């Protein structure tokens, strides 16, 4: 069997190229809301999920929606990992939506209870630009449309 002197160098270059491709192919692009109200697409190698906190109209007022990317650096993603793992050829989890309660009185008991408790409703998805809508209805409709 004949092997040229350049074969090891070619293999190393191919191997490094493959590793670089695999690392960049796992990067996720999510929409992100900025303080000035603009929305931009951001690509990040550490994100596993995109999230949306939908705009809400409640008895307490209106809140703007927020969009952002999630990874282990800014959230506990293990719960999402196990939920999105339950996919097969007949069934697929498209999004996970949760209502969370944060009670900040445990940090500072002197805070008024009405100011200490905060509720956040957010949805999480796991493919590029899946958090494209700022309202819950728009988000659900885009999830359905994208799943076909």
Protein backbone atom coordinates (compact mmCIF):
# COMPACT_ATOMS: atom_id res chain seq x y z
CA UNK A 1 0.00 0.00 0.00
CA UNK A 2 1.43 3.35 -1.08
CA UNK A 3 1.20 6.35 1.27
CA UNK A 4 2.54 9.74 0.30
CA UNK A 5 4.46 11.98 2.66
CA UNK A 6 1.64 14.55 2.48
CA UNK A 7 -1.05 12.12 3.66
CA UNK A 8 -0.61 12.87 7.41
CA UNK A 9 -0.68 16.62 6.75
CA UNK A 10 -3.83 16.29 4.62
CA UNK A 11 -5.47 14.18 7.31
CA UNK A 12 -4.66 16.77 9.99
CA UNK A 13 -6.03 19.62 7.84
CA UNK A 14 -9.19 17.63 7.09
CA UNK A 15 -9.62 16.73 10.76
CA UNK A 16 -9.21 20.36 11.91
CA UNK A 17 -11.65 21.53 9.22
CA UNK A 18 -14.21 18.94 10.33
CA UNK A 19 -13.89 19.93 13.99
CA UNK A 20 -14.27 23.62 13.10
CA UNK A 21 -17.37 22.87 11.03
CA UNK A 22 -18.97 20.80 13.78
CA UNK A 23 -18.33 23.49 16.38
CA UNK A 24 -19.88 26.25 14.27
CA UNK A 25 -22.78 24.08 13.10
CA UNK A 26 -24.05 23.84 16.69
CA UNK A 27 -24.33 27.60 17.07
CA UNK A 28 -27.90 28.81 17.41
CA UNK A 29 -29.33 32.03 16.01
CA UNK A 30 -32.00 33.69 18.16
CA UNK A 31 -33.74 37.02 18.04
CA UNK A 32 -32.75 39.34 20.84
CA UNK A 33 -34.58 42.42 22.12
CA UNK A 34 -32.46 45.47 22.79
CA UNK A 35 -33.09 48.24 25.33
CA UNK A 36 -33.91 50.72 22.54
CA UNK A 37 -36.74 48.47 21.31
CA UNK A 38 -34.93 47.07 18.30
CA UNK A 39 -34.81 43.34 17.61
CA UNK A 40 -31.73 41.75 16.07
CA UNK A 41 -30.69 38.21 15.15
CA UNK A 42 -27.72 37.02 17.20
CA UNK A 43 -25.70 33.83 16.66
CA UNK A 44 -24.07 32.28 19.73
CA UNK A 45 -22.14 29.02 20.12
CA UNK A 46 -23.22 28.58 23.74
CA UNK A 47 -26.98 28.89 23.22
CA UNK A 48 -29.06 25.72 23.07
CA UNK A 49 -32.46 27.42 23.09
CA UNK A 50 -34.23 30.60 22.03
CA UNK A 51 -36.77 32.15 24.39
CA UNK A 52 -39.64 34.58 24.26
CA UNK A 53 -41.39 36.39 27.08
CA UNK A 54 -44.56 37.40 25.21
CA UNK A 55 -45.98 40.91 25.39
CA UNK A 56 -48.85 40.91 27.90
CA UNK A 57 -51.84 43.08 28.69
CA UNK A 58 -52.90 42.53 32.31
CA UNK A 59 -54.85 44.33 35.00
CA UNK A 60 -51.50 45.71 36.18
CA UNK A 61 -50.60 47.18 32.81
CA UNK A 62 -48.85 46.29 29.59
CA UNK A 63 -45.45 44.67 29.36
CA UNK A 64 -43.32 44.54 26.24
CA UNK A 65 -42.23 41.16 24.99
CA UNK A 66 -38.61 40.09 25.22
CA UNK A 67 -36.59 37.73 23.05
CA UNK A 68 -33.24 36.19 23.92
CA UNK A 69 -31.02 33.13 23.67
CA UNK A 70 -30.45 30.61 26.45
CA UNK A 71 -27.51 28.46 27.36
CA UNK A 72 -26.01 26.96 30.48
CA UNK A 73 -24.24 30.30 31.14
CA UNK A 74 -27.50 32.20 31.68
CA UNK A 75 -30.08 29.56 32.64
CA UNK A 76 -30.60 26.08 34.03
CA UNK A 77 -31.20 24.18 30.77
CA UNK A 78 -31.37 20.57 32.01
CA UNK A 79 -35.17 20.65 32.30
CA UNK A 80 -35.46 21.75 28.67
CA UNK A 81 -32.88 19.15 27.60
CA UNK A 82 -34.95 16.27 28.98
CA UNK A 83 -38.22 17.64 27.60
CA UNK A 84 -36.94 18.18 24.06
CA UNK A 85 -35.36 14.70 24.11
CA UNK A 86 -38.80 13.04 23.93
CA UNK A 87 -39.01 13.21 20.13
CA UNK A 88 -39.51 10.40 17.64
CA UNK A 89 -40.83 10.03 14.09
CA UNK A 90 -44.46 10.53 15.25
CA UNK A 91 -44.11 13.02 18.09
CA UNK A 92 -42.08 16.21 18.46
CA UNK A 93 -41.91 18.79 21.23
CA UNK A 94 -42.04 22.18 19.48
CA UNK A 95 -41.92 24.49 22.47
CA UNK A 96 -41.95 24.47 26.25
CA UNK A 97 -43.85 27.27 27.98
CA UNK A 98 -43.64 27.84 31.72
CA UNK A 99 -45.07 30.28 34.23
CA UNK A 100 -42.47 31.11 36.86
CA UNK A 101 -42.78 32.82 40.23
CA UNK A 102 -39.83 34.65 41.74
CA UNK A 103 -40.14 35.66 45.40
CA UNK A 104 -37.45 38.21 46.16
CA UNK A 105 -38.57 38.62 49.79
CA UNK A 106 -36.31 35.70 50.68
CA UNK A 107 -33.38 37.89 49.64
CA UNK A 108 -34.64 40.99 51.43
CA UNK A 109 -37.55 40.47 53.89
CA UNK A 110 -38.06 44.26 54.18
CA UNK A 111 -39.38 44.44 50.60
CA UNK A 112 -43.14 44.92 50.28
CA UNK A 113 -44.76 41.60 49.26
CA UNK A 114 -46.46 43.15 46.20
CA UNK A 115 -43.07 44.38 44.99
CA UNK A 116 -41.17 41.24 46.02
CA UNK A 117 -43.09 38.71 43.91
CA UNK A 118 -42.71 38.62 40.15
CA UNK A 119 -44.34 36.26 37.67
CA UNK A 120 -42.78 35.54 34.29
CA UNK A 121 -44.32 33.53 31.46
CA UNK A 122 -41.83 32.36 28.86
CA UNK A 123 -41.58 29.89 26.03
CA UNK A 124 -38.44 28.10 24.88
CA UNK A 125 -37.68 26.51 21.48
CA UNK A 126 -34.60 24.88 19.97
CA UNK A 127 -34.02 25.81 16.33
CA UNK A 128 -32.68 28.90 14.54
CA UNK A 129 -34.88 32.01 14.79
CA UNK A 130 -37.74 30.11 16.43
CA UNK A 131 -38.48 33.05 18.77
CA UNK A 132 -39.52 35.31 15.90
CA UNK A 133 -42.87 36.61 17.20
CA UNK A 134 -43.31 39.05 20.07
CA UNK A 135 -46.85 37.96 21.01
CA UNK A 136 -47.97 34.57 22.28
CA UNK A 137 -50.50 34.05 19.46
CA UNK A 138 -47.92 34.96 16.84
CA UNK A 139 -45.39 32.67 18.49
CA UNK A 140 -47.73 29.65 18.55
CA UNK A 141 -48.75 30.25 14.93
CA UNK A 142 -45.11 30.45 13.82
CA UNK A 143 -44.34 27.23 15.73
CA UNK A 144 -47.13 25.44 13.84
CA UNK A 145 -46.06 26.88 10.49
CA UNK A 146 -42.38 26.01 11.01
CA UNK A 147 -43.14 22.42 12.00
CA UNK A 148 -44.32 21.37 8.53
